[in-house]
PDB file of N, CA and C in Angstrom:
ATOM      1  N   MET A   1      -0.655  20.929   2.260  1.00  0.00           N
ATOM      2  CA  MET A   1      -0.519  19.799   1.206  1.00  0.00           C
ATOM      3  C   MET A   1      -1.617  19.811   0.485  1.00  0.00           C
ATOM      4  N   GLY A   2      -1.527  19.731  -0.861  1.00  0.00           N
ATOM      5  CA  GLY A   2      -2.562  19.594  -1.716  1.00  0.00           C
ATOM      6  C   GLY A   2      -2.568  18.225  -2.485  1.00  0.00           C
ATOM      7  N   VAL A   3      -3.751  17.554  -2.510  1.00  0.00           N
ATOM      8  CA  VAL A   3      -3.791  16.288  -3.172  1.00  0.00           C
ATOM      9  C   VAL A   3      -5.139  16.267  -4.081  1.00  0.00           C
ATOM     10  N   GLY A   4      -4.909  15.899  -5.262  1.00  0.00           N
ATOM     11  CA  GLY A   4      -6.116  15.941  -6.173  1.00  0.00           C
ATOM     12  C   GLY A   4      -7.097  14.838  -5.749  1.00  0.00           C
ATOM     13  N   ALA A   5      -6.592  13.538  -5.564  1.00  0.00           N
ATOM     14  CA  ALA A   5      -7.467  12.411  -5.277  1.00  0.00           C
ATOM     15  C   ALA A   5      -6.693  11.333  -4.603  1.00  0.00           C
ATOM     16  N   ALA A   6      -7.464  10.550  -3.755  1.00  0.00           N
ATOM     17  CA  ALA A   6      -6.894   9.407  -3.122  1.00  0.00           C
ATOM     18  C   ALA A   6      -7.750   8.343  -3.328  1.00  0.00           C
ATOM     19  N   VAL A   7      -7.351   7.156  -3.776  1.00  0.00           N
ATOM     20  CA  VAL A   7      -8.115   5.913  -3.900  1.00  0.00           C
ATOM     21  C   VAL A   7      -7.865   4.820  -2.824  1.00  0.00           C
ATOM     22  N   ILE A   8      -8.943   4.403  -2.352  1.00  0.00           N
ATOM     23  CA  ILE A   8      -8.827   3.511  -1.231  1.00  0.00           C
ATOM     24  C   ILE A   8      -9.584   2.149  -1.623  1.00  0.00           C
ATOM     25  N   PRO A   9      -8.856   0.969  -1.763  1.00  0.00           N
ATOM     26  CA  PRO A   9      -9.584  -0.269  -2.022  1.00  0.00           C
ATOM     27  C   PRO A   9     -10.573  -0.514  -1.030  1.00  0.00           C
ATOM     28  N   ALA A  10     -11.879  -1.058  -1.287  1.00  0.00           N
ATOM     29  CA  ALA A  10     -12.811  -1.419  -0.303  1.00  0.00           C
ATOM     30  C   ALA A  10     -13.729  -2.484  -0.907  1.00  0.00           C
ATOM     31  N   GLY A  11     -13.431  -3.695  -0.451  1.00  0.00           N
ATOM     32  CA  GLY A  11     -14.173  -4.824  -1.010  1.00  0.00           C
ATOM     33  C   GLY A  11     -13.887  -4.994  -2.605  1.00  0.00           C
ATOM     34  N   LYS A  12     -14.915  -5.075  -3.186  1.00  0.00           N
ATOM     35  CA  LYS A  12     -14.834  -5.222  -4.675  1.00  0.00           C
ATOM     36  C   LYS A  12     -14.787  -3.913  -5.499  1.00  0.00           C
ATOM     37  N   GLY A  13     -14.780  -2.782  -4.672  1.00  0.00           N
ATOM     38  CA  GLY A  13     -14.832  -1.436  -5.185  1.00  0.00           C
ATOM     39  C   GLY A  13     -13.729  -0.594  -4.720  1.00  0.00           C
ATOM     40  N   GLU A  14     -13.879   0.828  -4.870  1.00  0.00           N
ATOM     41  CA  GLU A  14     -12.945   1.678  -4.455  1.00  0.00           C
ATOM     42  C   GLU A  14     -13.645   2.814  -3.738  1.00  0.00           C
ATOM     43  N   VAL A  15     -13.048   3.524  -2.865  1.00  0.00           N
ATOM     44  CA  VAL A  15     -13.477   4.736  -2.365  1.00  0.00           C
ATOM     45  C   VAL A  15     -12.580   5.833  -2.833  1.00  0.00           C
ATOM     46  N   VAL A  16     -13.028   6.843  -3.466  1.00  0.00           N
ATOM     47  CA  VAL A  16     -12.247   7.909  -4.047  1.00  0.00           C
ATOM     48  C   VAL A  16     -12.481   9.302  -3.049  1.00  0.00           C
ATOM     49  N   LEU A  17     -11.394   9.794  -2.627  1.00  0.00           N
ATOM     50  CA  LEU A  17     -11.408  10.911  -1.923  1.00  0.00           C
ATOM     51  C   LEU A  17     -10.786  12.048  -2.815  1.00  0.00           C
ATOM     52  N   PHE A  18     -11.666  12.894  -3.162  1.00  0.00           N
ATOM     53  CA  PHE A  18     -11.156  13.954  -4.265  1.00  0.00           C
ATOM     54  C   PHE A  18     -10.406  15.065  -3.728  1.00  0.00           C
ATOM     55  N   ASN A  19     -10.674  15.310  -2.441  1.00  0.00           N
ATOM     56  CA  ASN A  19      -9.886  16.483  -1.937  1.00  0.00           C
ATOM     57  C   ASN A  19      -9.608  16.380  -0.548  1.00  0.00           C
ATOM     58  N   LEU A  20      -8.309  16.030  -0.185  1.00  0.00           N
ATOM     59  CA  LEU A  20      -7.844  15.812   1.260  1.00  0.00           C
ATOM     60  C   LEU A  20      -7.957  17.130   2.119  1.00  0.00           C
ATOM     61  N   PRO A  21      -7.685  18.202   1.534  1.00  0.00           N
ATOM     62  CA  PRO A  21      -7.919  19.427   2.257  1.00  0.00           C
ATOM     63  C   PRO A  21      -9.291  19.487   2.865  1.00  0.00           C
ATOM     64  N   ALA A  22     -10.350  19.022   2.219  1.00  0.00           N
ATOM     65  CA  ALA A  22     -11.661  18.934   2.630  1.00  0.00           C
ATOM     66  C   ALA A  22     -11.910  18.154   3.856  1.00  0.00           C
ATOM     67  N   LEU A  23     -11.023  17.011   3.899  1.00  0.00           N
ATOM     68  CA  LEU A  23     -11.002  16.109   5.131  1.00  0.00           C
ATOM     69  C   LEU A  23     -10.481  16.908   6.306  1.00  0.00           C
ATOM     70  N   LYS A  24      -9.450  17.673   6.132  1.00  0.00           N
ATOM     71  CA  LYS A  24      -8.777  18.446   7.174  1.00  0.00           C
ATOM     72  C   LYS A  24      -9.947  19.602   7.651  1.00  0.00           C
ATOM     73  N   ALA A  25     -10.508  20.153   6.777  1.00  0.00           N
ATOM     74  CA  ALA A  25     -11.628  21.177   7.039  1.00  0.00           C
ATOM     75  C   ALA A  25     -12.837  20.444   7.839  1.00  0.00           C
ATOM     76  N   ALA A  26     -13.163  19.344   7.324  1.00  0.00           N
ATOM     77  CA  ALA A  26     -14.307  18.649   8.005  1.00  0.00           C
ATOM     78  C   ALA A  26     -13.982  18.238   9.475  1.00  0.00           C
ATOM     79  N   LEU A  27     -12.733  17.799   9.707  1.00  0.00           N
ATOM     80  CA  LEU A  27     -12.218  17.462  11.139  1.00  0.00           C
ATOM     81  C   LEU A  27     -12.225  18.839  12.037  1.00  0.00           C
ATOM     82  N   ALA A  28     -12.050  19.902  11.362  1.00  0.00           N
ATOM     83  CA  ALA A  28     -12.008  21.182  12.065  1.00  0.00           C
ATOM     84  C   ALA A  28     -13.319  21.751  12.158  1.00  0.00           C
ATOM     85  N   GLY A  29     -14.303  21.118  11.628  1.00  0.00           N
ATOM     86  CA  GLY A  29     -15.745  21.700  11.644  1.00  0.00           C
ATOM     87  C   GLY A  29     -15.935  22.805  10.804  1.00  0.00           C
ATOM     88  N   GLU A  30     -15.229  22.892   9.680  1.00  0.00           N
ATOM     89  CA  GLU A  30     -15.437  24.029   8.860  1.00  0.00           C
ATOM     90  C   GLU A  30     -16.037  23.772   7.395  1.00  0.00           C
ATOM     91  N   ALA A  31     -16.150  22.468   7.079  1.00  0.00           N
ATOM     92  CA  ALA A  31     -16.616  22.093   5.722  1.00  0.00           C
ATOM     93  C   ALA A  31     -17.945  21.306   5.657  1.00  0.00           C
ATOM     94  N   ALA A  32     -18.640  21.366   4.617  1.00  0.00           N
ATOM     95  CA  ALA A  32     -19.826  20.559   4.507  1.00  0.00           C
ATOM     96  C   ALA A  32     -19.547  19.532   3.397  1.00  0.00           C
ATOM     97  N   ASP A  33     -18.343  19.481   2.759  1.00  0.00           N
ATOM     98  CA  ASP A  33     -18.098  18.645   1.766  1.00  0.00           C
ATOM     99  C   ASP A  33     -18.161  17.101   2.311  1.00  0.00           C
ATOM    100  N   ILE A  34     -17.542  16.871   3.483  1.00  0.00           N
ATOM    101  CA  ILE A  34     -17.458  15.576   4.047  1.00  0.00           C
ATOM    102  C   ILE A  34     -18.175  15.788   5.535  1.00  0.00           C
ATOM    103  N   HIS A  35     -19.008  14.974   5.810  1.00  0.00           N
ATOM    104  CA  HIS A  35     -19.469  15.051   7.284  1.00  0.00           C
ATOM    105  C   HIS A  35     -18.563  14.726   8.204  1.00  0.00           C
ATOM    106  N   PRO A  36     -18.429  15.461   9.340  1.00  0.00           N
ATOM    107  CA  PRO A  36     -17.406  15.300  10.360  1.00  0.00           C
ATOM    108  C   PRO A  36     -17.307  13.925  10.874  1.00  0.00           C
ATOM    109  N   LEU A  37     -18.356  13.143  11.047  1.00  0.00           N
ATOM    110  CA  LEU A  37     -18.309  11.773  11.539  1.00  0.00           C
ATOM    111  C   LEU A  37     -17.686  10.952  10.517  1.00  0.00           C
ATOM    112  N   VAL A  38     -17.862  11.244   9.162  1.00  0.00           N
ATOM    113  CA  VAL A  38     -17.195  10.236   8.177  1.00  0.00           C
ATOM    114  C   VAL A  38     -15.756  10.625   8.130  1.00  0.00           C
ATOM    115  N   ALA A  39     -15.467  11.852   8.386  1.00  0.00           N
ATOM    116  CA  ALA A  39     -13.948  12.277   8.292  1.00  0.00           C
ATOM    117  C   ALA A  39     -13.176  11.646   9.514  1.00  0.00           C
ATOM    118  N   GLN A  40     -14.133  11.568  10.538  1.00  0.00           N
ATOM    119  CA  GLN A  40     -13.404  10.923  11.820  1.00  0.00           C
ATOM    120  C   GLN A  40     -13.161   9.407  11.569  1.00  0.00           C
ATOM    121  N   ARG A  41     -13.997   8.802  10.978  1.00  0.00           N
ATOM    122  CA  ARG A  41     -13.960   7.340  10.663  1.00  0.00           C
ATOM    123  C   ARG A  41     -12.913   7.109   9.618  1.00  0.00           C
ATOM    124  N   ILE A  42     -12.785   8.006   8.635  1.00  0.00           N
ATOM    125  CA  ILE A  42     -11.696   7.811   7.690  1.00  0.00           C
ATOM    126  C   ILE A  42     -10.278   7.959   8.297  1.00  0.00           C
ATOM    127  N   LEU A  43     -10.167   8.820   9.241  1.00  0.00           N
ATOM    128  CA  LEU A  43      -8.865   9.044  10.019  1.00  0.00           C
ATOM    129  C   LEU A  43      -8.657   7.906  10.817  1.00  0.00           C
ATOM    130  N   LEU A  44      -9.620   7.531  11.680  1.00  0.00           N
ATOM    131  CA  LEU A  44      -9.490   6.386  12.545  1.00  0.00           C
ATOM    132  C   LEU A  44      -9.124   5.084  11.923  1.00  0.00           C
ATOM    133  N   ASN A  45      -9.692   4.837  10.723  1.00  0.00           N
ATOM    134  CA  ASN A  45      -9.460   3.690  10.176  1.00  0.00           C
ATOM    135  C   ASN A  45      -8.006   3.551   9.539  1.00  0.00           C
ATOM    136  N   GLY A  46      -7.514   4.777   9.098  1.00  0.00           N
ATOM    137  CA  GLY A  46      -6.207   4.827   8.639  1.00  0.00           C
ATOM    138  C   GLY A  46      -5.107   4.801   9.661  1.00  0.00           C
ATOM    139  N   LEU A  47      -5.540   5.246  10.943  1.00  0.00           N
ATOM    140  CA  LEU A  47      -4.590   5.114  12.087  1.00  0.00           C
ATOM    141  C   LEU A  47      -4.631   3.722  12.513  1.00  0.00           C
ATOM    142  N   ALA A  48      -5.636   3.094  12.757  1.00  0.00           N
ATOM    143  CA  ALA A  48      -5.818   1.638  13.059  1.00  0.00           C
ATOM    144  C   ALA A  48      -4.965   0.643  12.188  1.00  0.00           C
ATOM    145  N   ARG A  49      -5.018   0.950  10.869  1.00  0.00           N
ATOM    146  CA  ARG A  49      -4.293   0.145   9.911  1.00  0.00           C
ATOM    147  C   ARG A  49      -2.859   0.379  10.160  1.00  0.00           C
ATOM    148  N   GLN A  50      -2.287   1.606  10.430  1.00  0.00           N
ATOM    149  CA  GLN A  50      -0.933   1.881  10.725  1.00  0.00           C
ATOM    150  C   GLN A  50      -0.593   1.149  11.991  1.00  0.00           C
ATOM    151  N   LEU A  51      -1.308   1.211  13.057  1.00  0.00           N
ATOM    152  CA  LEU A  51      -0.969   0.643  14.307  1.00  0.00           C
ATOM    153  C   LEU A  51      -0.836  -0.913  14.324  1.00  0.00           C
ATOM    154  N   ARG A  52      -1.812  -1.421  13.495  1.00  0.00           N
ATOM    155  CA  ARG A  52      -1.758  -2.929  13.394  1.00  0.00           C
ATOM    156  C   ARG A  52      -0.459  -3.331  12.647  1.00  0.00           C
ATOM    157  N   GLY A  53      -0.165  -2.583  11.697  1.00  0.00           N
ATOM    158  CA  GLY A  53       1.118  -2.986  10.893  1.00  0.00           C
ATOM    159  C   GLY A  53       2.431  -2.716  11.721  1.00  0.00           C
ATOM    160  N   ALA A  54       2.355  -1.761  12.698  1.00  0.00           N
ATOM    161  CA  ALA A  54       3.602  -1.456  13.399  1.00  0.00           C
ATOM    162  C   ALA A  54       3.700  -2.482  14.592  1.00  0.00           C
ATOM    163  N   GLY A  55       2.613  -3.228  15.031  1.00  0.00           N
ATOM    164  CA  GLY A  55       2.674  -4.034  16.131  1.00  0.00           C
ATOM    165  C   GLY A  55       3.286  -5.288  15.902  1.00  0.00           C
TER     166      GLY A  55
END
């Protein structure tokens, strides 16, 4: 999957993820573009939001 950018609303601003393949690589410990702990937090926040919506 290739994605150019993803925009996430955050408070009064936005978080822009320019390269989601870099997120996958960071989770696999292969990339320095996104710190692995930040990548985990992004993933867990997304999953938590989905689980709250499904409950």
